[in-house]
Structure formats: structure tokens, C-alpha cells
Amino acid sequence: MTSMPPDSTGRRAAIFGLAAFMAAPALLPKAAFAQRGLMPDFADLAERVLPSVVNIAVVSEQQVQIPPEMRGTPFERYFRERRGRQQVQGAGSGFVIDPAGYVVTNNHVVGNATRIVVALQDGTELTAKVVGTDDLTDLALLKVEPREPLPAVPWGSSGSSRVGQWVIAAGNPFGLGGTVTSGIISARGREIGAGPFDDFIQTDAAINPGNSGGPLFNTSGEVIGINTAIYSPSGASAGIGFATPSDLAKGVIEQLRREGRVERGWLGVSVQDMNPTDGARGRRGVLVGGVERGSPAARAGVRVGDIVTALNGERISTSSALIRAVAGTPPGQTLRVSLLRDGRAQDVAVQVGRRPASPS
């Protein structure tokens, strides 16, 4: 991935070449002409969901680097005491999932904030506290104390969404306040190098700095994604934005609300996708490249060279799918791992462990 300049919420935008073209009318199917003049009207939808979308302002402190020429001089202490830390302000978006005042946003929006203020659409400002954050999925859950119940939006199923379906993104781009943009789902299951749980929804609905943490709605007004990142040559929207799917986010947020942290399953194996050079042409599965000593997989007898084909009967064809499936299994539960070893199919029972902070 190319180098990425930071946006106002700390995310990065990659330089990405774009090419545009216009289809000649003669090449368009007759059905396309029949739909002209029937573009969707999102006014009712926007009116219904916007009260649940919030603006988030954060203030944080960061350590200022002491100039090398001041180190070891009488000015070093003065610099540390007077100028050693500076306040940084940022802005992002979020949405209410519970009338009691629970708000979802991105982890990178709140960061190491010393103060977080949630602004409602009517201008009401409420101080928020962090219930919990999850760096691996870039999600955070906040809590405010409203005087009366807040309007909330429901989760939708990202798994049932389809490429080409209409969506709207809502948030606080460039700190302007409540804004909606429309587009379609451009792709699903995108991996952008953000982490082991990459499974993003790609959309061409305009997402800009400040939209981070805001919701991506389907036309039923359900949240199917949390706007997280963009590809752009300028830092502004270039029609390629990414949202964390709701099917992944919902479980993380529920854990944060219940426990204040996320616990993930772990087998203790390194895996890679199959390819023809692995000597298993035509076989579908994930190749075990390493097994950590003393890990759950090692205790169950999993070996290097095994090909994992399914978990609890569900077919596994990519390493990322295996990692997500194991991570979503509560520690202590037992997984039935189907694998091929020397061409022979067999099942092994693995009691899932707790994912370390920096697993191998």
C-alpha cells in the first residue's frame, strides 16, 4: 500500500488512481432507460435517521518532542514543564444505538482523548465517557447521560447486503455538522491492510475526514456499516470509502458494553491461503504454516502442513475467514476443526484459547 497522509481524525488515505468513463446510450439496456427519472428520494429516510447521528469533538494531549539541541541544557526542564505537552483537537461522527445514551464511533476518533463532547442534531452537547475500545476493529463505545431518552437506530444485517444496493452515509465531514451523502455498495469483503479482521464494505457514497465513526444506512434505516477509511489522492472523498460491516461490529460493541473489553478466541497457528505451489491443486482450504508450542492447536494435535477445510462444519477457504471465525469464538469453547493430512480427511477437537495481546 502506498504512503497515506493523515486526515483530521488520524486515519490515512492512500493514493489511488482512478479512471472515469461514460457509457454510450446505445450500449445501455432498455431497462436502464425505463428507470430514468426514478432516482430514489432519501428525504424521508434522512429525516428519520439524522436525529440519531451525532458529532463528536475530542481534546487530547500529546507529548511534544524536545529539540535535540535543548537536551542536557538548563532549558530542558523548562521545556518539559511548560511546553512538553500540547492539546490536540479533533472531530468525528457517531450514532446512538440505545436511548439510554450509548454511542458507537471509531476508536481512532476518540484515541487518547482527555475530553469527549457529543453534540446532538438539535445542538445539545453532552460530555461522554469511554465504555470500551477495540483497536483491531477500530471501534469504540461511548456513554452520555441525556436528560431524556435519545432517538436510536437499529443494527441491520451487512451479510444480506448486495453490491449495487443504495446506501446513505451520515456524519460530520470537515466539522460541518449533520450531513448525509448517498451512493451504492461498490464491493464487499474488501481487505485494505488495516488489520487481521479486514472485511470492509466499499461504497461510493461520499465519505470525508470527520465522517469517521458515522453510520452507513441501508434504505430501511438500519446501520449496516461504520464509516472508517477512504482511498484518496487528496484526503477528500474520491468515491472509494470503507465501512466496518455491522455483522462484525455488533458483536464487538455488545462485548464492550458488557465487559468493557473484547476477548477473542485463539488457536496458536499461523496460516496462509492455498495456491498451486502448495502441492494441493484443486483443494480448498487454509494451509497451516506454523503451530506455536503449548498452544490450543498444538495440544489438539494440529500439525504444520495440515489443510484446514472447515470449522464446526462451516467450509473455510481463506486464512482471513479462519482468523475471523476463530476470533469470534469465545475462549473455552471447543471447535471441531476439519482438516486434510497427507490426503486424508479427519476432525480434531480444539478448545479455543484466549487471544494474547500480540499473538504469534
Protein backbone atom coordinates (compact mmCIF):
# COMPACT_ATOMS: atom_id res chain seq x y z
CA MET A 1 0.00 0.00 0.00
CA THR A 2 1.31 3.44 -0.83
CA SER A 3 2.05 6.04 1.83
CA MET A 4 -1.04 7.68 3.23
CA PRO A 5 -1.34 11.27 4.52
CA PRO A 6 -3.33 11.66 7.77
CA ASP A 7 -6.84 13.08 7.76
CA SER A 8 -8.35 15.14 10.59
CA THR A 9 -9.28 12.02 12.56
CA GLY A 10 -5.93 10.33 12.28
CA ARG A 11 -6.75 7.84 9.57
CA ARG A 12 -4.72 7.61 6.39
CA ALA A 13 -5.74 7.98 2.79
CA ALA A 14 -3.87 6.10 0.04
CA ILE A 15 -3.07 7.50 -3.35
CA PHE A 16 -5.24 5.55 -5.70
CA GLY A 17 -5.51 6.02 -9.44
CA LEU A 18 -8.99 6.48 -10.80
CA ALA A 19 -10.28 6.36 -14.36
CA ALA A 20 -13.71 7.55 -15.40
CA PHE A 21 -15.73 6.74 -18.49
CA MET A 22 -19.21 7.35 -19.83
CA ALA A 23 -21.25 4.60 -21.43
CA ALA A 24 -22.70 5.40 -24.83
CA PRO A 25 -26.52 5.46 -24.74
CA ALA A 26 -26.65 2.84 -27.46
CA LEU A 27 -24.88 0.38 -25.16
CA LEU A 28 -27.30 0.78 -22.24
CA PRO A 29 -30.01 -1.86 -21.84
CA LYS A 30 -33.62 -0.82 -22.32
CA ALA A 31 -34.25 -1.40 -18.60
CA ALA A 32 -31.85 1.44 -17.81
CA PHE A 33 -33.91 3.88 -19.88
CA ALA A 34 -37.07 2.70 -18.14
CA GLN A 35 -35.60 3.75 -14.81
CA ARG A 36 -34.67 7.29 -15.86
CA GLY A 37 -36.41 9.85 -13.73
CA LEU A 38 -36.99 7.26 -10.96
CA MET A 39 -33.97 8.02 -8.81
CA PRO A 40 -34.61 7.35 -5.11
CA ASP A 41 -35.64 10.17 -2.78
CA PHE A 42 -33.86 9.86 0.56
CA ALA A 43 -35.60 12.79 2.25
CA ASP A 44 -37.88 10.70 4.48
CA LEU A 45 -35.06 8.33 5.36
CA ALA A 46 -32.67 11.17 6.24
CA GLU A 47 -35.32 12.87 8.37
CA ARG A 48 -35.86 9.64 10.28
CA VAL A 49 -32.23 8.69 10.98
CA LEU A 50 -30.40 12.01 11.36
CA PRO A 51 -31.59 12.66 14.94
CA SER A 52 -29.61 9.55 15.97
CA VAL A 53 -26.37 10.68 14.29
CA VAL A 54 -24.03 12.72 16.48
CA ASN A 55 -20.97 14.90 16.06
CA ILE A 56 -18.01 14.08 18.27
CA ALA A 57 -15.41 16.63 19.38
CA VAL A 58 -12.31 15.43 21.20
CA VAL A 59 -9.46 17.10 23.04
CA SER A 60 -6.33 15.12 23.74
CA GLU A 61 -2.81 15.77 24.91
CA GLN A 62 0.30 14.51 23.23
CA GLN A 63 3.95 14.64 24.16
CA VAL A 64 5.96 17.23 22.29
CA GLN A 65 9.40 16.12 21.18
CA ILE A 66 12.18 18.08 22.86
CA PRO A 67 14.56 19.59 20.30
CA PRO A 68 17.91 17.76 20.36
CA GLU A 69 19.79 20.99 20.95
CA MET A 70 17.92 21.50 24.26
CA ARG A 71 18.64 18.10 25.73
CA GLY A 72 21.10 18.23 28.60
CA THR A 73 20.80 22.02 28.91
CA PRO A 74 19.07 24.11 31.62
CA PHE A 75 16.26 24.74 29.14
CA GLU A 76 15.25 21.05 29.02
CA ARG A 77 13.37 21.17 32.34
CA TYR A 78 11.64 24.41 31.37
CA PHE A 79 10.58 22.90 28.05
CA ARG A 80 9.22 19.77 29.73
CA GLU A 81 7.21 21.73 32.30
CA ARG A 82 5.87 24.50 30.08
CA ARG A 83 5.75 23.10 26.58
CA GLY A 84 6.24 19.36 26.98
CA ARG A 85 2.60 18.56 26.22
CA GLN A 86 0.17 20.19 23.84
CA GLN A 87 -3.57 19.88 23.31
CA VAL A 88 -4.84 18.47 20.04
CA GLN A 89 -8.42 18.83 18.89
CA GLY A 90 -10.23 16.52 16.50
CA ALA A 91 -13.68 15.77 15.20
CA GLY A 92 -15.58 12.71 14.13
CA SER A 93 -19.02 11.14 13.99
CA GLY A 94 -21.07 8.53 15.80
CA PHE A 95 -24.58 7.20 16.24
CA VAL A 96 -26.89 6.31 19.11
CA ILE A 97 -27.73 2.61 19.50
CA ASP A 98 -29.63 2.85 22.79
CA PRO A 99 -31.95 5.60 24.08
CA ALA A 100 -30.08 5.42 27.40
CA GLY A 101 -27.16 7.18 25.69
CA TYR A 102 -24.83 4.57 24.22
CA VAL A 103 -22.96 5.90 21.18
CA VAL A 104 -20.84 3.97 18.66
CA THR A 105 -17.86 5.54 16.90
CA ASN A 106 -14.35 4.66 15.71
CA ASN A 107 -11.52 4.02 18.13
CA HIS A 108 -9.27 6.34 16.14
CA VAL A 109 -11.77 9.17 16.65
CA VAL A 110 -11.50 9.10 20.44
CA GLY A 111 -7.88 7.94 20.62
CA ASN A 112 -6.31 9.08 23.89
CA ALA A 113 -8.82 11.86 24.38
CA THR A 114 -8.87 13.70 27.69
CA ARG A 115 -12.30 15.15 26.93
CA ILE A 116 -15.06 13.99 24.57
CA VAL A 117 -18.14 16.02 23.73
CA VAL A 118 -21.08 14.52 21.83
CA ALA A 119 -23.28 17.04 20.00
CA LEU A 120 -26.82 16.06 19.05
CA GLN A 121 -28.61 17.31 15.95
CA ASP A 122 -30.54 19.89 18.00
CA GLY A 123 -27.28 21.40 19.25
CA THR A 124 -27.31 19.79 22.70
CA GLU A 125 -23.80 18.99 23.89
CA LEU A 126 -23.12 16.13 26.30
CA THR A 127 -19.85 15.06 27.87
CA ALA A 128 -19.10 11.41 27.06
CA LYS A 129 -17.06 8.75 28.77
CA VAL A 130 -15.43 5.79 27.02
CA VAL A 131 -17.08 2.47 27.89
CA GLY A 132 -14.53 0.49 25.89
CA THR A 133 -12.46 0.42 22.73
CA ASP A 134 -11.17 -2.23 20.34
CA ASP A 135 -8.11 -1.37 18.31
CA LEU A 136 -8.28 -4.40 15.99
CA THR A 137 -11.69 -3.42 14.60
CA ASP A 138 -11.23 0.32 15.23
CA LEU A 139 -14.46 0.54 17.23
CA ALA A 140 -15.36 2.42 20.41
CA LEU A 141 -18.43 2.64 22.61
CA LEU A 142 -19.24 5.88 24.45
CA LYS A 143 -21.83 6.72 27.09
CA VAL A 144 -23.57 10.04 27.65
CA GLU A 145 -26.14 10.94 30.30
CA PRO A 146 -29.11 12.52 28.50
CA ARG A 147 -31.96 14.22 30.34
CA GLU A 148 -34.44 12.24 28.29
CA PRO A 149 -34.21 9.15 26.05
CA LEU A 150 -32.33 9.69 22.80
CA PRO A 151 -33.51 8.55 19.36
CA ALA A 152 -31.63 5.39 18.43
CA VAL A 153 -31.10 3.48 15.20
CA PRO A 154 -31.17 -0.32 14.81
CA TRP A 155 -28.47 -2.61 13.51
CA GLY A 156 -29.04 -4.19 10.11
CA SER A 157 -27.50 -7.27 8.52
CA SER A 158 -24.44 -6.43 6.44
CA GLY A 159 -24.32 -10.06 5.33
CA SER A 160 -27.60 -9.70 3.45
CA SER A 161 -26.50 -6.54 1.64
CA ARG A 162 -25.68 -6.78 -2.06
CA VAL A 163 -23.32 -4.97 -4.39
CA GLY A 164 -25.27 -2.24 -6.16
CA GLN A 165 -27.73 -1.56 -3.36
CA TRP A 166 -28.39 2.04 -2.34
CA VAL A 167 -26.90 3.31 0.93
CA ILE A 168 -26.55 6.66 2.67
CA ALA A 169 -23.68 7.79 4.88
CA ALA A 170 -24.25 10.29 7.67
CA GLY A 171 -21.82 12.21 9.82
CA ASN A 172 -19.76 15.30 10.49
CA PRO A 173 -17.46 15.84 7.47
CA PHE A 174 -14.87 18.58 7.96
CA GLY A 175 -16.68 19.53 11.18
CA LEU A 176 -19.63 20.94 9.25
CA GLY A 177 -22.24 19.05 11.27
CA GLY A 178 -25.02 16.67 10.30
CA THR A 179 -24.56 15.71 6.65
CA VAL A 180 -25.89 12.86 4.50
CA THR A 181 -24.50 11.53 1.24
CA SER A 182 -25.81 8.77 -0.97
CA GLY A 183 -24.31 6.06 -3.13
CA ILE A 184 -24.26 2.33 -3.62
CA ILE A 185 -22.38 -0.61 -2.19
CA SER A 186 -19.44 -0.91 -4.57
CA ALA A 187 -17.95 -4.12 -3.17
CA ARG A 188 -17.94 -6.35 -0.12
CA GLY A 189 -15.22 -8.18 1.76
CA ARG A 190 -12.50 -5.66 0.92
CA GLU A 191 -9.09 -6.10 2.52
CA ILE A 192 -7.15 -2.83 2.78
CA GLY A 193 -4.29 -3.82 5.07
CA ALA A 194 -5.84 -2.30 8.19
CA GLY A 195 -5.54 -5.46 10.29
CA PRO A 196 -6.38 -9.14 10.68
CA PHE A 197 -10.13 -8.52 10.57
CA ASP A 198 -10.31 -6.67 7.25
CA ASP A 199 -13.74 -7.32 5.78
CA PHE A 200 -14.87 -3.87 4.69
CA ILE A 201 -17.90 -2.70 2.76
CA GLN A 202 -16.78 -0.43 -0.08
CA THR A 203 -19.09 2.40 -1.08
CA ASP A 204 -19.06 5.39 -3.40
CA ALA A 205 -21.19 7.47 -1.01
CA ALA A 206 -19.01 10.48 -0.21
CA ILE A 207 -17.02 9.90 2.98
CA ASN A 208 -14.65 12.64 4.08
CA PRO A 209 -12.44 13.47 7.09
CA GLY A 210 -14.82 13.84 10.02
CA ASN A 211 -17.18 11.13 8.75
CA SER A 212 -15.17 8.54 10.67
CA GLY A 213 -17.38 6.66 13.11
CA GLY A 214 -20.60 7.64 11.38
CA PRO A 215 -23.20 5.13 10.19
CA LEU A 216 -23.77 3.66 6.75
CA PHE A 217 -27.50 3.04 6.37
CA ASN A 218 -29.48 0.78 4.09
CA THR A 219 -32.75 2.09 2.68
CA SER A 220 -34.64 0.65 5.65
CA GLY A 221 -32.77 2.98 8.00
CA GLU A 222 -30.68 0.18 9.52
CA VAL A 223 -26.96 0.54 10.23
CA ILE A 224 -25.05 -1.92 8.05
CA GLY A 225 -21.62 -0.33 8.47
CA ILE A 226 -19.46 2.15 10.39
CA ASN A 227 -17.59 4.53 8.08
CA THR A 228 -13.89 4.08 8.78
CA ALA A 229 -11.46 4.87 5.96
CA ILE A 230 -11.08 6.29 2.46
CA TYR A 231 -8.75 5.97 -0.50
CA SER A 232 -7.94 9.39 -1.88
CA PRO A 233 -5.15 11.34 -3.60
CA SER A 234 -6.12 14.48 -1.66
CA GLY A 235 -7.54 13.33 1.66
CA ALA A 236 -11.05 14.19 0.48
CA SER A 237 -13.62 11.81 -0.99
CA ALA A 238 -12.67 10.20 -4.28
CA GLY A 239 -15.66 7.87 -4.32
CA ILE A 240 -13.91 5.00 -2.56
CA GLY A 241 -14.81 4.69 1.10
CA PHE A 242 -14.83 1.78 3.51
CA ALA A 243 -17.14 0.81 6.35
CA THR A 244 -16.77 -1.86 9.01
CA PRO A 245 -19.67 -4.29 8.45
CA SER A 246 -22.40 -4.37 11.08
CA ASP A 247 -22.23 -8.16 11.42
CA LEU A 248 -18.68 -7.75 12.76
CA ALA A 249 -19.27 -4.54 14.70
CA LYS A 250 -22.40 -5.63 16.55
CA GLY A 251 -20.69 -8.44 18.46
CA VAL A 252 -17.73 -6.23 19.34
CA ILE A 253 -19.98 -3.46 20.63
CA GLU A 254 -22.03 -5.90 22.69
CA GLN A 255 -18.84 -7.17 24.35
CA LEU A 256 -17.64 -3.64 25.02
CA ARG A 257 -20.96 -2.78 26.61
CA ARG A 258 -20.99 -5.92 28.72
CA GLU A 259 -17.32 -6.28 29.66
CA GLY A 260 -15.62 -3.02 28.66
CA ARG A 261 -13.18 -5.01 26.51
CA VAL A 262 -13.14 -7.67 23.82
CA GLU A 263 -11.92 -11.22 24.34
CA ARG A 264 -11.13 -13.22 21.22
CA GLY A 265 -10.52 -16.85 20.51
CA TRP A 266 -7.07 -18.15 19.56
CA LEU A 267 -5.68 -21.41 18.22
CA GLY A 268 -1.98 -20.57 18.08
CA VAL A 269 -1.35 -21.32 14.40
CA SER A 270 0.00 -19.30 11.51
CA VAL A 271 -1.96 -19.89 8.32
CA GLN A 272 -1.88 -18.95 4.66
CA ASP A 273 -4.14 -19.28 1.65
CA MET A 274 -3.68 -22.26 -0.61
CA ASN A 275 -2.02 -21.91 -4.00
CA PRO A 276 -0.92 -24.40 -6.68
CA THR A 277 2.67 -24.49 -5.39
CA ASP A 278 1.47 -25.96 -2.10
CA GLY A 279 1.06 -29.34 -3.81
CA ALA A 280 -2.70 -29.34 -3.33
CA ARG A 281 -4.03 -28.14 -6.67
CA GLY A 282 -7.80 -28.09 -6.66
CA ARG A 283 -8.12 -28.45 -2.89
CA ARG A 284 -9.89 -25.73 -0.96
CA GLY A 285 -8.77 -24.80 2.50
CA VAL A 286 -6.15 -22.99 4.54
CA LEU A 287 -2.60 -24.25 4.96
CA VAL A 288 -1.14 -24.43 8.47
CA GLY A 289 2.32 -22.90 8.25
CA GLY A 290 3.23 -23.00 11.92
CA VAL A 291 1.96 -24.22 15.28
CA GLU A 292 3.00 -22.46 18.47
CA ARG A 293 4.35 -24.74 21.17
CA GLY A 294 1.87 -25.26 24.01
CA SER A 295 -0.96 -23.57 22.09
CA PRO A 296 -4.52 -24.94 21.88
CA ALA A 297 -3.81 -26.23 18.36
CA ALA A 298 -0.61 -27.98 19.49
CA ARG A 299 -2.39 -29.69 22.38
CA ALA A 300 -5.09 -30.90 19.96
CA GLY A 301 -2.52 -32.40 17.60
CA VAL A 302 -2.69 -29.91 14.71
CA ARG A 303 0.50 -30.10 12.64
CA VAL A 304 2.39 -27.95 10.18
CA GLY A 305 1.24 -28.87 6.67
CA ASP A 306 -2.33 -29.67 7.68
CA ILE A 307 -5.01 -28.11 5.48
CA VAL A 308 -7.97 -26.72 7.43
CA THR A 309 -11.15 -27.12 5.39
CA ALA A 310 -13.94 -26.34 7.88
CA LEU A 311 -14.77 -25.18 11.39
CA ASN A 312 -17.80 -26.79 13.05
CA GLY A 313 -18.89 -27.93 9.59
CA GLU A 314 -18.66 -24.47 8.03
CA ARG A 315 -16.36 -24.50 5.00
CA ILE A 316 -13.24 -22.32 5.29
CA SER A 317 -11.46 -21.24 2.12
CA THR A 318 -9.32 -18.23 3.14
CA SER A 319 -6.94 -17.50 6.00
CA SER A 320 -8.76 -14.26 6.84
CA ALA A 321 -12.06 -16.14 7.14
CA LEU A 322 -10.43 -18.64 9.51
CA ILE A 323 -8.91 -15.89 11.65
CA ARG A 324 -12.26 -14.08 11.93
CA ALA A 325 -14.14 -17.29 12.74
CA VAL A 326 -11.71 -18.31 15.49
CA ALA A 327 -11.56 -14.78 16.91
CA GLY A 328 -15.34 -14.73 17.13
CA THR A 329 -15.41 -17.94 19.17
CA PRO A 330 -15.47 -17.33 22.95
CA PRO A 331 -12.39 -18.67 24.76
CA GLY A 332 -13.11 -22.00 26.39
CA GLN A 333 -15.44 -23.28 23.70
CA THR A 334 -14.47 -26.30 21.62
CA LEU A 335 -14.15 -26.08 17.85
CA ARG A 336 -14.42 -29.07 15.53
CA VAL A 337 -11.61 -28.48 13.06
CA SER A 338 -11.85 -30.43 9.81
CA LEU A 339 -8.55 -30.87 8.03
CA LEU A 340 -6.66 -32.82 5.43
CA ARG A 341 -3.42 -34.54 6.47
CA ASP A 342 -1.46 -36.47 3.87
CA GLY A 343 -4.58 -36.50 1.72
CA ARG A 344 -6.80 -37.98 4.42
CA ALA A 345 -9.71 -36.12 5.97
CA GLN A 346 -10.06 -36.02 9.73
CA ASP A 347 -11.57 -33.91 12.51
CA VAL A 348 -9.85 -32.71 15.66
CA ALA A 349 -11.44 -31.02 18.68
CA VAL A 350 -9.64 -27.85 19.77
CA GLN A 351 -10.51 -25.99 22.95
CA VAL A 352 -10.18 -22.34 21.96
CA GLY A 353 -7.77 -20.24 24.00
CA ARG A 354 -7.74 -16.52 24.76
CA ARG A 355 -6.06 -14.41 22.10
CA PRO A 356 -2.91 -12.78 23.56
CA ALA A 357 -2.32 -9.07 23.17
CA SER A 358 0.29 -9.81 20.48
CA PRO A 359 -0.40 -13.33 19.25
CA SER A 360 2.06 -15.13 17.01
